[in-house]
Amino acid sequence: MPSSRPWVRVEDILENASAVLEYTQGMSHDDYLADRKTVDACERCLSRISEAAVKLGSFAEERLPGHNWIGIRNIGNILRHEYDQLEAPTIWDVITIHLPPLIADARALLANERPAES
């Protein structure tokens, strides 16, 4: 069932994606892998992004097209249930390739389309 508060969910995505980039700023892939706390923090944020995407339902595809919403939703299940099969380069690609455009699009959506609070 889609969220009754989709704008809050978009904010959740933006907040957690921004946190991941903050945590990994200036890191190489090897630096990232060597820092267990950062790996754990980033995976937790990615799980939150996944859950927010699930709660957004079709709102995500309608308002933020061009992102792999199936993959975004599925990464939470992978992190929870198949963590032992997750490859570090996959997460690093999510962080370095996929999160920056998602952040930009979420910011633009919030700035341009979010209804005024009453």
C-alpha atoms as a PDB file:
ATOM      1  CA  MET A   1       0.000   0.000   0.000  1.00  0.00           C
ATOM      2  CA  PRO A   2       1.477   3.354  -1.036  1.00  0.00           C
ATOM      3  CA  SER A   3       2.371   5.855   1.633  1.00  0.00           C
ATOM      4  CA  SER A   4      -0.127   8.510   2.601  1.00  0.00           C
ATOM      5  CA  ARG A   5       2.917  10.769   3.076  1.00  0.00           C
ATOM      6  CA  PRO A   6       4.931  10.399  -0.134  1.00  0.00           C
ATOM      7  CA  TRP A   7       6.796  13.676   0.336  1.00  0.00           C
ATOM      8  CA  VAL A   8       8.125  12.471   3.680  1.00  0.00           C
ATOM      9  CA  ARG A   9       9.337   9.299   1.984  1.00  0.00           C
ATOM     10  CA  VAL A  10      11.147  11.344  -0.692  1.00  0.00           C
ATOM     11  CA  GLU A  11      12.750  13.320   2.145  1.00  0.00           C
ATOM     12  CA  ASP A  12      13.780  10.013   3.752  1.00  0.00           C
ATOM     13  CA  ILE A  13      15.452   8.963   0.513  1.00  0.00           C
ATOM     14  CA  LEU A  14      17.216  12.308   0.193  1.00  0.00           C
ATOM     15  CA  GLU A  15      18.365  12.334   3.817  1.00  0.00           C
ATOM     16  CA  ASN A  16      19.746   8.798   3.760  1.00  0.00           C
ATOM     17  CA  ALA A  17      21.349   9.076   0.332  1.00  0.00           C
ATOM     18  CA  SER A  18      23.017  12.331   1.375  1.00  0.00           C
ATOM     19  CA  ALA A  19      24.275  10.672   4.557  1.00  0.00           C
ATOM     20  CA  VAL A  20      25.880   7.873   2.542  1.00  0.00           C
ATOM     21  CA  LEU A  21      27.736  10.394   0.392  1.00  0.00           C
ATOM     22  CA  GLU A  22      28.806  12.305   3.492  1.00  0.00           C
ATOM     23  CA  TYR A  23      30.106   9.116   5.146  1.00  0.00           C
ATOM     24  CA  THR A  24      32.083   8.113   2.061  1.00  0.00           C
ATOM     25  CA  GLN A  25      33.353  11.533   1.001  1.00  0.00           C
ATOM     26  CA  GLY A  26      36.990  11.335  -0.050  1.00  0.00           C
ATOM     27  CA  MET A  27      37.104   7.554   0.253  1.00  0.00           C
ATOM     28  CA  SER A  28      38.332   5.118  -2.330  1.00  0.00           C
ATOM     29  CA  HIS A  29      36.688   1.736  -2.709  1.00  0.00           C
ATOM     30  CA  ASP A  30      39.505   0.188  -0.667  1.00  0.00           C
ATOM     31  CA  ASP A  31      39.119   2.833   2.067  1.00  0.00           C
ATOM     32  CA  TYR A  32      35.418   2.070   2.191  1.00  0.00           C
ATOM     33  CA  LEU A  33      35.948  -1.676   2.510  1.00  0.00           C
ATOM     34  CA  ALA A  34      38.514  -1.165   5.268  1.00  0.00           C
ATOM     35  CA  ASP A  35      36.123   0.907   7.391  1.00  0.00           C
ATOM     36  CA  ARG A  36      33.553  -1.468   8.858  1.00  0.00           C
ATOM     37  CA  LYS A  37      31.589   1.297  10.589  1.00  0.00           C
ATOM     38  CA  THR A  38      31.167   3.166   7.321  1.00  0.00           C
ATOM     39  CA  VAL A  39      30.143   0.004   5.490  1.00  0.00           C
ATOM     40  CA  ASP A  40      27.577  -0.778   8.175  1.00  0.00           C
ATOM     41  CA  ALA A  41      26.253   2.796   8.267  1.00  0.00           C
ATOM     42  CA  CYS A  42      25.924   2.948   4.492  1.00  0.00           C
ATOM     43  CA  GLU A  43      24.159  -0.386   4.312  1.00  0.00           C
ATOM     44  CA  ARG A  44      21.696   0.786   6.984  1.00  0.00           C
ATOM     45  CA  CYS A  45      20.997   3.956   5.023  1.00  0.00           C
ATOM     46  CA  LEU A  46      20.518   1.943   1.829  1.00  0.00           C
ATOM     47  CA  SER A  47      18.024  -0.244   3.695  1.00  0.00           C
ATOM     48  CA  ARG A  48      16.077   2.872   4.697  1.00  0.00           C
ATOM     49  CA  ILE A  49      16.126   4.132   1.118  1.00  0.00           C
ATOM     50  CA  SER A  50      14.805   0.761  -0.007  1.00  0.00           C
ATOM     51  CA  GLU A  51      11.984   0.825   2.537  1.00  0.00           C
ATOM     52  CA  ALA A  52      11.029   4.386   1.596  1.00  0.00           C
ATOM     53  CA  ALA A  53      10.932   3.326  -2.069  1.00  0.00           C
ATOM     54  CA  VAL A  54       8.646   0.417  -1.204  1.00  0.00           C
ATOM     55  CA  LYS A  55       6.331   2.784   0.642  1.00  0.00           C
ATOM     56  CA  LEU A  56       6.317   5.234  -2.272  1.00  0.00           C
ATOM     57  CA  GLY A  57       4.833   2.659  -4.614  1.00  0.00           C
ATOM     58  CA  SER A  58       4.155   3.988  -8.107  1.00  0.00           C
ATOM     59  CA  PHE A  59       4.728   7.581  -6.915  1.00  0.00           C
ATOM     60  CA  ALA A  60       8.459   6.893  -7.306  1.00  0.00           C
ATOM     61  CA  GLU A  61       8.238   5.868 -10.956  1.00  0.00           C
ATOM     62  CA  GLU A  62       5.772   8.661 -11.750  1.00  0.00           C
ATOM     63  CA  ARG A  63       7.679  11.509 -10.106  1.00  0.00           C
ATOM     64  CA  LEU A  64      11.256  10.268 -10.296  1.00  0.00           C
ATOM     65  CA  PRO A  65      11.502   8.304 -13.550  1.00  0.00           C
ATOM     66  CA  GLY A  66      14.841   7.155 -14.811  1.00  0.00           C
ATOM     67  CA  HIS A  67      15.872   5.362 -11.640  1.00  0.00           C
ATOM     68  CA  ASN A  68      15.926   1.610 -11.137  1.00  0.00           C
ATOM     69  CA  TRP A  69      13.106   1.459  -8.584  1.00  0.00           C
ATOM     70  CA  ILE A  70      12.933  -2.323  -8.694  1.00  0.00           C
ATOM     71  CA  GLY A  71      16.620  -2.477  -7.812  1.00  0.00           C
ATOM     72  CA  ILE A  72      16.239   0.218  -5.144  1.00  0.00           C
ATOM     73  CA  ARG A  73      13.396  -1.710  -3.547  1.00  0.00           C
ATOM     74  CA  ASN A  74      15.211  -5.037  -3.808  1.00  0.00           C
ATOM     75  CA  ILE A  75      18.483  -3.918  -2.254  1.00  0.00           C
ATOM     76  CA  GLY A  76      16.819  -3.865   1.165  1.00  0.00           C
ATOM     77  CA  ASN A  77      15.891  -7.534   0.848  1.00  0.00           C
ATOM     78  CA  ILE A  78      19.380  -8.372  -0.330  1.00  0.00           C
ATOM     79  CA  LEU A  79      20.951  -6.519   2.607  1.00  0.00           C
ATOM     80  CA  ARG A  80      18.633  -8.278   5.064  1.00  0.00           C
ATOM     81  CA  HIS A  81      18.450 -11.782   3.652  1.00  0.00           C
ATOM     82  CA  GLU A  82      21.287 -12.334   1.192  1.00  0.00           C
ATOM     83  CA  TYR A  83      23.987 -10.169   2.779  1.00  0.00           C
ATOM     84  CA  ASP A  84      26.506 -12.980   2.520  1.00  0.00           C
ATOM     85  CA  GLN A  85      26.124 -12.975  -1.273  1.00  0.00           C
ATOM     86  CA  LEU A  86      26.358  -9.205  -1.704  1.00  0.00           C
ATOM     87  CA  GLU A  87      29.414  -8.057  -3.579  1.00  0.00           C
ATOM     88  CA  ALA A  88      31.156  -4.932  -2.333  1.00  0.00           C
ATOM     89  CA  PRO A  89      31.632  -3.451  -5.825  1.00  0.00           C
ATOM     90  CA  THR A  90      27.842  -3.501  -6.258  1.00  0.00           C
ATOM     91  CA  ILE A  91      27.321  -1.338  -3.173  1.00  0.00           C
ATOM     92  CA  TRP A  92      30.196   0.944  -4.173  1.00  0.00           C
ATOM     93  CA  ASP A  93      28.581   1.401  -7.609  1.00  0.00           C
ATOM     94  CA  VAL A  94      25.286   2.283  -5.932  1.00  0.00           C
ATOM     95  CA  ILE A  95      27.082   4.853  -3.779  1.00  0.00           C
ATOM     96  CA  THR A  96      29.265   6.421  -6.448  1.00  0.00           C
ATOM     97  CA  ILE A  97      27.155   6.069  -9.596  1.00  0.00           C
ATOM     98  CA  HIS A  98      23.487   5.844  -8.648  1.00  0.00           C
ATOM     99  CA  LEU A  99      23.043   7.928  -5.500  1.00  0.00           C
ATOM    100  CA  PRO A 100      24.232  11.315  -6.835  1.00  0.00           C
ATOM    101  CA  PRO A 101      21.582  11.533  -9.588  1.00  0.00           C
ATOM    102  CA  LEU A 102      18.912  10.212  -7.211  1.00  0.00           C
ATOM    103  CA  ILE A 103      19.815  12.959  -4.741  1.00  0.00           C
ATOM    104  CA  ALA A 104      19.682  15.622  -7.449  1.00  0.00           C
ATOM    105  CA  ASP A 105      16.302  14.433  -8.698  1.00  0.00           C
ATOM    106  CA  ALA A 106      14.836  14.128  -5.199  1.00  0.00           C
ATOM    107  CA  ARG A 107      16.008  17.659  -4.334  1.00  0.00           C
ATOM    108  CA  ALA A 108      14.494  19.030  -7.528  1.00  0.00           C
ATOM    109  CA  LEU A 109      11.221  17.213  -6.931  1.00  0.00           C
ATOM    110  CA  LEU A 110      10.944  18.522  -3.392  1.00  0.00           C
ATOM    111  CA  ALA A 111      11.842  22.051  -4.447  1.00  0.00           C
ATOM    112  CA  ASN A 112       9.545  22.207  -7.471  1.00  0.00           C
ATOM    113  CA  GLU A 113       6.560  19.983  -6.770  1.00  0.00           C
ATOM    114  CA  ARG A 114       6.082  19.501  -3.053  1.00  0.00           C
ATOM    115  CA  PRO A 115       2.805  21.061  -1.999  1.00  0.00           C
ATOM    116  CA  ALA A 116       2.965  23.872   0.539  1.00  0.00           C
ATOM    117  CA  GLU A 117       2.360  22.685   4.090  1.00  0.00           C
ATOM    118  CA  SER A 118      -0.937  23.760   5.556  1.00  0.00           C
END
